[in-house]
């Protein structure tokens, strides 16, 4: 699989308030992962890697209460593979 297509990750708000990051995924797998979290009533969002002078993650979909608008971009952070 072409690694350049793996530009998405799913972030889930954990029970203790921490954010767990899963990915990288292609768009379809990220959407499937997100929809499972959404169906379970979880707080999750999909972020897409935006490349440019500085790489940033842009939130493109979210569910649940993140406590803000959640649409801000932010710098690249490490990801965690799903278990």
PDB file of N, CA and C in Angstrom:
ATOM      1  N   UNK A   1       0.843  -1.181   0.000  1.00  0.00           N
ATOM      2  CA  UNK A   1       0.000   0.000   0.000  1.00  0.00           C
ATOM      3  C   UNK A   1       0.884   1.237   0.000  1.00  0.00           C
ATOM      4  N   UNK A   2       0.465   2.240  -0.728  1.00  0.00           N
ATOM      5  CA  UNK A   2       1.203   3.483  -0.840  1.00  0.00           C
ATOM      6  C   UNK A   2       1.078   4.282   0.457  1.00  0.00           C
ATOM      7  N   UNK A   3       2.197   4.513   1.125  1.00  0.00           N
ATOM      8  CA  UNK A   3       2.194   5.214   2.399  1.00  0.00           C
ATOM      9  C   UNK A   3       1.699   6.644   2.312  1.00  0.00           C
ATOM     10  N   UNK A   4       1.804   7.267   1.132  1.00  0.00           N
ATOM     11  CA  UNK A   4       1.354   8.648   1.002  1.00  0.00           C
ATOM     12  C   UNK A   4      -0.162   8.770   1.101  1.00  0.00           C
ATOM     13  N   UNK A   5      -0.891   7.679   0.921  1.00  0.00           N
ATOM     14  CA  UNK A   5      -2.351   7.708   1.027  1.00  0.00           C
ATOM     15  C   UNK A   5      -2.817   7.574   2.474  1.00  0.00           C
ATOM     16  N   UNK A   6      -1.913   7.231   3.376  1.00  0.00           N
ATOM     17  CA  UNK A   6      -2.262   7.063   4.789  1.00  0.00           C
ATOM     18  C   UNK A   6      -2.138   8.413   5.491  1.00  0.00           C
ATOM     19  N   UNK A   7      -3.079   9.301   5.215  1.00  0.00           N
ATOM     20  CA  UNK A   7      -3.009  10.677   5.703  1.00  0.00           C
ATOM     21  C   UNK A   7      -4.065  10.986   6.755  1.00  0.00           C
ATOM     22  N   UNK A   8      -4.706   9.969   7.313  1.00  0.00           N
ATOM     23  CA  UNK A   8      -5.795  10.187   8.261  1.00  0.00           C
ATOM     24  C   UNK A   8      -5.514   9.460   9.565  1.00  0.00           C
ATOM     25  N   UNK A   9      -6.030  10.010  10.655  1.00  0.00           N
ATOM     26  CA  UNK A   9      -5.998   9.316  11.932  1.00  0.00           C
ATOM     27  C   UNK A   9      -7.301   9.615  12.665  1.00  0.00           C
ATOM     28  N   UNK A  10      -7.601   8.764  13.631  1.00  0.00           N
ATOM     29  CA  UNK A  10      -8.798   8.952  14.447  1.00  0.00           C
ATOM     30  C   UNK A  10      -8.342   9.209  15.873  1.00  0.00           C
ATOM     31  N   UNK A  11      -8.891  10.239  16.471  1.00  0.00           N
ATOM     32  CA  UNK A  11      -8.589  10.590  17.854  1.00  0.00           C
ATOM     33  C   UNK A  11      -9.828  10.323  18.689  1.00  0.00           C
ATOM     34  N   UNK A  12      -9.638   9.644  19.809  1.00  0.00           N
ATOM     35  CA  UNK A  12     -10.751   9.273  20.686  1.00  0.00           C
ATOM     36  C   UNK A  12     -10.479   9.853  22.069  1.00  0.00           C
ATOM     37  N   UNK A  13     -11.486  10.502  22.638  1.00  0.00           N
ATOM     38  CA  UNK A  13     -11.364  11.037  23.988  1.00  0.00           C
ATOM     39  C   UNK A  13     -11.595   9.898  24.965  1.00  0.00           C
ATOM     40  N   UNK A  14     -10.573   9.582  25.762  1.00  0.00           N
ATOM     41  CA  UNK A  14     -10.642   8.470  26.704  1.00  0.00           C
ATOM     42  C   UNK A  14     -11.481   8.787  27.930  1.00  0.00           C
ATOM     43  N   UNK A  15     -11.725   7.765  28.735  1.00  0.00           N
ATOM     44  CA  UNK A  15     -12.537   7.907  29.945  1.00  0.00           C
ATOM     45  C   UNK A  15     -11.956   8.912  30.934  1.00  0.00           C
ATOM     46  N   UNK A  16     -10.657   9.028  30.978  1.00  0.00           N
ATOM     47  CA  UNK A  16     -10.001   9.922  31.937  1.00  0.00           C
ATOM     48  C   UNK A  16      -9.640  11.275  31.318  1.00  0.00           C
ATOM     49  N   UNK A  17     -10.160  11.552  30.130  1.00  0.00           N
ATOM     50  CA  UNK A  17      -9.935  12.849  29.502  1.00  0.00           C
ATOM     51  C   UNK A  17      -8.745  12.915  28.572  1.00  0.00           C
ATOM     52  N   UNK A  18      -7.931  11.860  28.506  1.00  0.00           N
ATOM     53  CA  UNK A  18      -6.794  11.850  27.599  1.00  0.00           C
ATOM     54  C   UNK A  18      -7.225  11.516  26.176  1.00  0.00           C
ATOM     55  N   UNK A  19      -6.445  11.968  25.206  1.00  0.00           N
ATOM     56  CA  UNK A  19      -6.743  11.691  23.804  1.00  0.00           C
ATOM     57  C   UNK A  19      -5.893  10.522  23.336  1.00  0.00           C
ATOM     58  N   UNK A  20      -6.556   9.503  22.792  1.00  0.00           N
ATOM     59  CA  UNK A  20      -5.870   8.356  22.208  1.00  0.00           C
ATOM     60  C   UNK A  20      -5.918   8.516  20.693  1.00  0.00           C
ATOM     61  N   UNK A  21      -4.768   8.355  20.042  1.00  0.00           N
ATOM     62  CA  UNK A  21      -4.679   8.542  18.595  1.00  0.00           C
ATOM     63  C   UNK A  21      -4.415   7.204  17.919  1.00  0.00           C
ATOM     64  N   UNK A  22      -5.179   6.930  16.857  1.00  0.00           N
ATOM     65  CA  UNK A  22      -5.056   5.683  16.111  1.00  0.00           C
ATOM     66  C   UNK A  22      -4.816   6.003  14.644  1.00  0.00           C
ATOM     67  N   UNK A  23      -3.922   5.255  14.028  1.00  0.00           N
ATOM     68  CA  UNK A  23      -3.642   5.450  12.610  1.00  0.00           C
ATOM     69  C   UNK A  23      -2.170   5.265  12.358  1.00  0.00           C
ATOM     70  N   UNK A  24      -1.708   5.558  11.203  1.00  0.00           N
ATOM     71  CA  UNK A  24      -2.393   6.239  10.109  1.00  0.00           C
ATOM     72  C   UNK A  24      -3.308   5.291   9.327  1.00  0.00           C
ATOM     73  N   UNK A  25      -4.332   5.879   8.719  1.00  0.00           N
ATOM     74  CA  UNK A  25      -5.300   5.146   7.917  1.00  0.00           C
ATOM     75  C   UNK A  25      -5.477   5.831   6.570  1.00  0.00           C
ATOM     76  N   UNK A  26      -6.078   5.092   5.614  1.00  0.00           N
ATOM     77  CA  UNK A  26      -6.586   5.756   4.423  1.00  0.00           C
ATOM     78  C   UNK A  26      -7.950   6.329   4.794  1.00  0.00           C
ATOM     79  N   UNK A  27      -8.559   7.096   3.908  1.00  0.00           N
ATOM     80  CA  UNK A  27      -9.815   7.788   4.223  1.00  0.00           C
ATOM     81  C   UNK A  27     -10.935   6.822   4.588  1.00  0.00           C
ATOM     82  N   UNK A  28     -11.050   5.722   3.866  1.00  0.00           N
ATOM     83  CA  UNK A  28     -12.139   4.774   4.117  1.00  0.00           C
ATOM     84  C   UNK A  28     -12.008   4.116   5.485  1.00  0.00           C
ATOM     85  N   UNK A  29     -10.825   3.646   5.829  1.00  0.00           N
ATOM     86  CA  UNK A  29     -10.630   2.983   7.126  1.00  0.00           C
ATOM     87  C   UNK A  29     -10.818   3.964   8.284  1.00  0.00           C
ATOM     88  N   UNK A  30     -10.369   5.198   8.107  1.00  0.00           N
ATOM     89  CA  UNK A  30     -10.570   6.206   9.150  1.00  0.00           C
ATOM     90  C   UNK A  30     -12.061   6.442   9.373  1.00  0.00           C
ATOM     91  N   UNK A  31     -12.830   6.532   8.292  1.00  0.00           N
ATOM     92  CA  UNK A  31     -14.275   6.750   8.403  1.00  0.00           C
ATOM     93  C   UNK A  31     -14.944   5.566   9.101  1.00  0.00           C
ATOM     94  N   UNK A  32     -14.533   4.327   8.761  1.00  0.00           N
ATOM     95  CA  UNK A  32     -15.111   3.137   9.396  1.00  0.00           C
ATOM     96  C   UNK A  32     -14.823   3.120  10.898  1.00  0.00           C
ATOM     97  N   UNK A  33     -13.586   3.395  11.277  1.00  0.00           N
ATOM     98  CA  UNK A  33     -13.194   3.439  12.686  1.00  0.00           C
ATOM     99  C   UNK A  33     -14.016   4.506  13.412  1.00  0.00           C
ATOM    100  N   UNK A  34     -14.129   5.682  12.811  1.00  0.00           N
ATOM    101  CA  UNK A  34     -14.884   6.794  13.387  1.00  0.00           C
ATOM    102  C   UNK A  34     -16.354   6.424  13.574  1.00  0.00           C
ATOM    103  N   UNK A  35     -16.951   5.783  12.576  1.00  0.00           N
ATOM    104  CA  UNK A  35     -18.371   5.425  12.653  1.00  0.00           C
ATOM    105  C   UNK A  35     -18.654   4.423  13.768  1.00  0.00           C
ATOM    106  N   UNK A  36     -17.719   3.528  14.042  1.00  0.00           N
ATOM    107  CA  UNK A  36     -17.890   2.595  15.163  1.00  0.00           C
ATOM    108  C   UNK A  36     -17.900   3.373  16.473  1.00  0.00           C
ATOM    109  N   UNK A  37     -16.946   4.271  16.655  1.00  0.00           N
ATOM    110  CA  UNK A  37     -16.907   5.094  17.877  1.00  0.00           C
ATOM    111  C   UNK A  37     -18.186   5.917  18.018  1.00  0.00           C
ATOM    112  N   UNK A  38     -18.637   6.487  16.912  1.00  0.00           N
ATOM    113  CA  UNK A  38     -19.854   7.302  16.930  1.00  0.00           C
ATOM    114  C   UNK A  38     -21.072   6.467  17.316  1.00  0.00           C
ATOM    115  N   UNK A  39     -21.169   5.248  16.781  1.00  0.00           N
ATOM    116  CA  UNK A  39     -22.319   4.387  17.082  1.00  0.00           C
ATOM    117  C   UNK A  39     -22.334   3.943  18.545  1.00  0.00           C
ATOM    118  N   UNK A  40     -21.168   3.902  19.173  1.00  0.00           N
ATOM    119  CA  UNK A  40     -21.072   3.528  20.583  1.00  0.00           C
ATOM    120  C   UNK A  40     -21.251   4.731  21.513  1.00  0.00           C
ATOM    121  N   UNK A  41     -21.484   5.898  20.930  1.00  0.00           N
ATOM    122  CA  UNK A  41     -21.680   7.101  21.741  1.00  0.00           C
ATOM    123  C   UNK A  41     -20.391   7.730  22.210  1.00  0.00           C
ATOM    124  N   UNK A  42     -19.279   7.378  21.578  1.00  0.00           N
ATOM    125  CA  UNK A  42     -17.986   7.906  21.986  1.00  0.00           C
ATOM    126  C   UNK A  42     -17.733   9.309  21.473  1.00  0.00           C
ATOM    127  N   UNK A  43     -16.652   9.889  21.944  1.00  0.00           N
ATOM    128  CA  UNK A  43     -16.203  11.196  21.484  1.00  0.00           C
ATOM    129  C   UNK A  43     -14.973  10.957  20.628  1.00  0.00           C
ATOM    130  N   UNK A  44     -15.107  11.223  19.330  1.00  0.00           N
ATOM    131  CA  UNK A  44     -14.031  10.925  18.391  1.00  0.00           C
ATOM    132  C   UNK A  44     -13.988  11.988  17.305  1.00  0.00           C
ATOM    133  N   UNK A  45     -12.855  12.042  16.620  1.00  0.00           N
ATOM    134  CA  UNK A  45     -12.743  12.925  15.468  1.00  0.00           C
ATOM    135  C   UNK A  45     -11.739  12.348  14.481  1.00  0.00           C
ATOM    136  N   UNK A  46     -11.922  12.711  13.223  1.00  0.00           N
ATOM    137  CA  UNK A  46     -10.993  12.318  12.165  1.00  0.00           C
ATOM    138  C   UNK A  46     -10.136  13.535  11.851  1.00  0.00           C
ATOM    139  N   UNK A  47      -8.833  13.315  11.764  1.00  0.00           N
ATOM    140  CA  UNK A  47      -7.918  14.388  11.388  1.00  0.00           C
ATOM    141  C   UNK A  47      -7.157  13.960  10.138  1.00  0.00           C
ATOM    142  N   UNK A  48      -6.943  14.924   9.233  1.00  0.00           N
ATOM    143  CA  UNK A  48      -6.219  14.664   7.990  1.00  0.00           C
ATOM    144  C   UNK A  48      -4.912  15.448   8.007  1.00  0.00           C
ATOM    145  N   UNK A  49      -3.835  14.797   7.588  1.00  0.00           N
ATOM    146  CA  UNK A  49      -2.533  15.449   7.519  1.00  0.00           C
ATOM    147  C   UNK A  49      -2.513  16.404   6.335  1.00  0.00           C
ATOM    148  N   UNK A  50      -2.265  17.667   6.617  1.00  0.00           N
ATOM    149  CA  UNK A  50      -2.154  18.700   5.588  1.00  0.00           C
ATOM    150  C   UNK A  50      -0.676  19.009   5.415  1.00  0.00           C
ATOM    151  N   UNK A  51      -0.180  18.776   4.210  1.00  0.00           N
ATOM    152  CA  UNK A  51       1.236  19.023   3.957  1.00  0.00           C
ATOM    153  C   UNK A  51       1.428  20.404   3.360  1.00  0.00           C
ATOM    154  N   UNK A  52       2.514  21.008   3.700  1.00  0.00           N
ATOM    155  CA  UNK A  52       2.849  22.337   3.207  1.00  0.00           C
ATOM    156  C   UNK A  52       4.205  22.697   3.769  1.00  0.00           C
ATOM    157  N   UNK A  53       4.405  23.959   4.040  1.00  0.00           N
ATOM    158  CA  UNK A  53       5.660  24.384   4.656  1.00  0.00           C
ATOM    159  C   UNK A  53       5.809  23.702   6.005  1.00  0.00           C
ATOM    160  N   UNK A  54       4.698  23.605   6.722  1.00  0.00           N
ATOM    161  CA  UNK A  54       4.680  22.917   8.015  1.00  0.00           C
ATOM    162  C   UNK A  54       3.519  21.939   7.998  1.00  0.00           C
ATOM    163  N   UNK A  55       3.772  20.694   8.336  1.00  0.00           N
ATOM    164  CA  UNK A  55       2.710  19.692   8.355  1.00  0.00           C
ATOM    165  C   UNK A  55       1.810  19.916   9.565  1.00  0.00           C
ATOM    166  N   UNK A  56       0.502  19.893   9.345  1.00  0.00           N
ATOM    167  CA  UNK A  56      -0.470  20.040  10.421  1.00  0.00           C
ATOM    168  C   UNK A  56      -1.594  19.034  10.231  1.00  0.00           C
ATOM    169  N   UNK A  57      -2.299  18.746  11.315  1.00  0.00           N
ATOM    170  CA  UNK A  57      -3.480  17.880  11.275  1.00  0.00           C
ATOM    171  C   UNK A  57      -4.707  18.774  11.311  1.00  0.00           C
ATOM    172  N   UNK A  58      -5.614  18.594  10.363  1.00  0.00           N
ATOM    173  CA  UNK A  58      -6.863  19.365  10.311  1.00  0.00           C
ATOM    174  C   UNK A  58      -8.030  18.440  10.612  1.00  0.00           C
ATOM    175  N   UNK A  59      -8.855  18.809  11.577  1.00  0.00           N
ATOM    176  CA  UNK A  59     -10.031  18.019  11.944  1.00  0.00           C
ATOM    177  C   UNK A  59     -11.061  18.155  10.831  1.00  0.00           C
ATOM    178  N   UNK A  60     -11.553  17.003  10.319  1.00  0.00           N
ATOM    179  CA  UNK A  60     -12.530  17.044   9.233  1.00  0.00           C
ATOM    180  C   UNK A  60     -13.890  16.489   9.636  1.00  0.00           C
ATOM    181  N   UNK A  61     -13.981  15.758  10.737  1.00  0.00           N
ATOM    182  CA  UNK A  61     -15.261  15.242  11.243  1.00  0.00           C
ATOM    183  C   UNK A  61     -15.095  14.948  12.724  1.00  0.00           C
ATOM    184  N   UNK A  62     -16.168  15.152  13.487  1.00  0.00           N
ATOM    185  CA  UNK A  62     -16.097  14.827  14.911  1.00  0.00           C
ATOM    186  C   UNK A  62     -17.480  14.505  15.443  1.00  0.00           C
ATOM    187  N   UNK A  63     -17.496  13.769  16.546  1.00  0.00           N
ATOM    188  CA  UNK A  63     -18.738  13.457  17.247  1.00  0.00           C
ATOM    189  C   UNK A  63     -18.459  13.544  18.742  1.00  0.00           C
ATOM    190  N   UNK A  64     -19.493  13.775  19.525  1.00  0.00           N
ATOM    191  CA  UNK A  64     -19.327  13.907  20.968  1.00  0.00           C
ATOM    192  C   UNK A  64     -18.953  15.325  21.355  1.00  0.00           C
ATOM    193  N   UNK A  65     -18.643  15.523  22.620  1.00  0.00           N
ATOM    194  CA  UNK A  65     -18.352  16.846  23.166  1.00  0.00           C
ATOM    195  C   UNK A  65     -16.856  17.012  23.393  1.00  0.00           C
ATOM    196  N   UNK A  66     -16.217  17.827  22.558  1.00  0.00           N
ATOM    197  CA  UNK A  66     -14.791  18.115  22.693  1.00  0.00           C
ATOM    198  C   UNK A  66     -14.556  19.381  23.515  1.00  0.00           C
ATOM    199  N   UNK A  67     -15.617  20.075  23.908  1.00  0.00           N
ATOM    200  CA  UNK A  67     -15.471  21.257  24.744  1.00  0.00           C
ATOM    201  C   UNK A  67     -15.102  22.521  23.985  1.00  0.00           C
ATOM    202  N   UNK A  68     -14.952  22.472  22.687  1.00  0.00           N
ATOM    203  CA  UNK A  68     -14.656  23.637  21.853  1.00  0.00           C
ATOM    204  C   UNK A  68     -15.165  23.345  20.465  1.00  0.00           C
ATOM    205  N   UNK A  69     -14.773  24.172  19.499  1.00  0.00           N
ATOM    206  CA  UNK A  69     -15.260  23.898  18.151  1.00  0.00           C
ATOM    207  C   UNK A  69     -14.472  22.780  17.485  1.00  0.00           C
ATOM    208  N   UNK A  70     -13.226  22.501  17.953  1.00  0.00           N
ATOM    209  CA  UNK A  70     -12.457  21.365  17.459  1.00  0.00           C
ATOM    210  C   UNK A  70     -11.982  21.479  16.034  1.00  0.00           C
ATOM    211  N   UNK A  71     -12.163  22.610  15.394  1.00  0.00           N
ATOM    212  CA  UNK A  71     -11.805  22.751  13.989  1.00  0.00           C
ATOM    213  C   UNK A  71     -10.411  23.336  13.774  1.00  0.00           C
ATOM    214  N   UNK A  72      -9.699  23.575  14.840  1.00  0.00           N
ATOM    215  CA  UNK A  72      -8.374  24.151  14.701  1.00  0.00           C
ATOM    216  C   UNK A  72      -7.391  23.125  14.134  1.00  0.00           C
ATOM    217  N   UNK A  73      -6.372  23.637  13.471  1.00  0.00           N
ATOM    218  CA  UNK A  73      -5.279  22.787  13.012  1.00  0.00           C
ATOM    219  C   UNK A  73      -4.217  22.776  14.096  1.00  0.00           C
ATOM    220  N   UNK A  74      -3.413  21.741  14.118  1.00  0.00           N
ATOM    221  CA  UNK A  74      -2.350  21.676  15.107  1.00  0.00           C
ATOM    222  C   UNK A  74      -1.186  20.887  14.544  1.00  0.00           C
ATOM    223  N   UNK A  75       0.002  21.062  15.127  1.00  0.00           N
ATOM    224  CA  UNK A  75       1.219  20.448  14.618  1.00  0.00           C
ATOM    225  C   UNK A  75       1.207  18.936  14.666  1.00  0.00           C
ATOM    226  N   UNK A  76       2.110  18.335  13.925  1.00  0.00           N
ATOM    227  CA  UNK A  76       2.198  16.882  13.835  1.00  0.00           C
ATOM    228  C   UNK A  76       2.563  16.297  15.187  1.00  0.00           C
ATOM    229  N   UNK A  77       1.830  15.261  15.575  1.00  0.00           N
ATOM    230  CA  UNK A  77       2.097  14.537  16.810  1.00  0.00           C
ATOM    231  C   UNK A  77       2.156  13.061  16.465  1.00  0.00           C
ATOM    232  N   UNK A  78       2.770  12.272  17.313  1.00  0.00           N
ATOM    233  CA  UNK A  78       2.909  10.846  17.029  1.00  0.00           C
ATOM    234  C   UNK A  78       1.560  10.149  17.052  1.00  0.00           C
ATOM    235  N   UNK A  79       1.490   9.011  16.345  1.00  0.00           N
ATOM    236  CA  UNK A  79       0.261   8.233  16.300  1.00  0.00           C
ATOM    237  C   UNK A  79       0.491   6.882  16.934  1.00  0.00           C
ATOM    238  N   UNK A  80      -0.585   6.197  17.265  1.00  0.00           N
ATOM    239  CA  UNK A  80      -0.521   4.892  17.917  1.00  0.00           C
ATOM    240  C   UNK A  80      -1.293   3.905  17.054  1.00  0.00           C
ATOM    241  N   UNK A  81      -0.701   2.763  16.787  1.00  0.00           N
ATOM    242  CA  UNK A  81      -1.375   1.748  15.979  1.00  0.00           C
ATOM    243  C   UNK A  81      -2.504   1.110  16.767  1.00  0.00           C
ATOM    244  N   UNK A  82      -3.630   0.805  16.099  1.00  0.00           N
ATOM    245  CA  UNK A  82      -4.733   0.147  16.807  1.00  0.00           C
ATOM    246  C   UNK A  82      -4.335  -1.226  17.296  1.00  0.00           C
ATOM    247  N   UNK A  83      -4.915  -1.636  18.409  1.00  0.00           N
ATOM    248  CA  UNK A  83      -4.571  -2.932  18.988  1.00  0.00           C
ATOM    249  C   UNK A  83      -5.658  -3.930  18.767  1.00  0.00           C
TER     250      UNK A  83
END
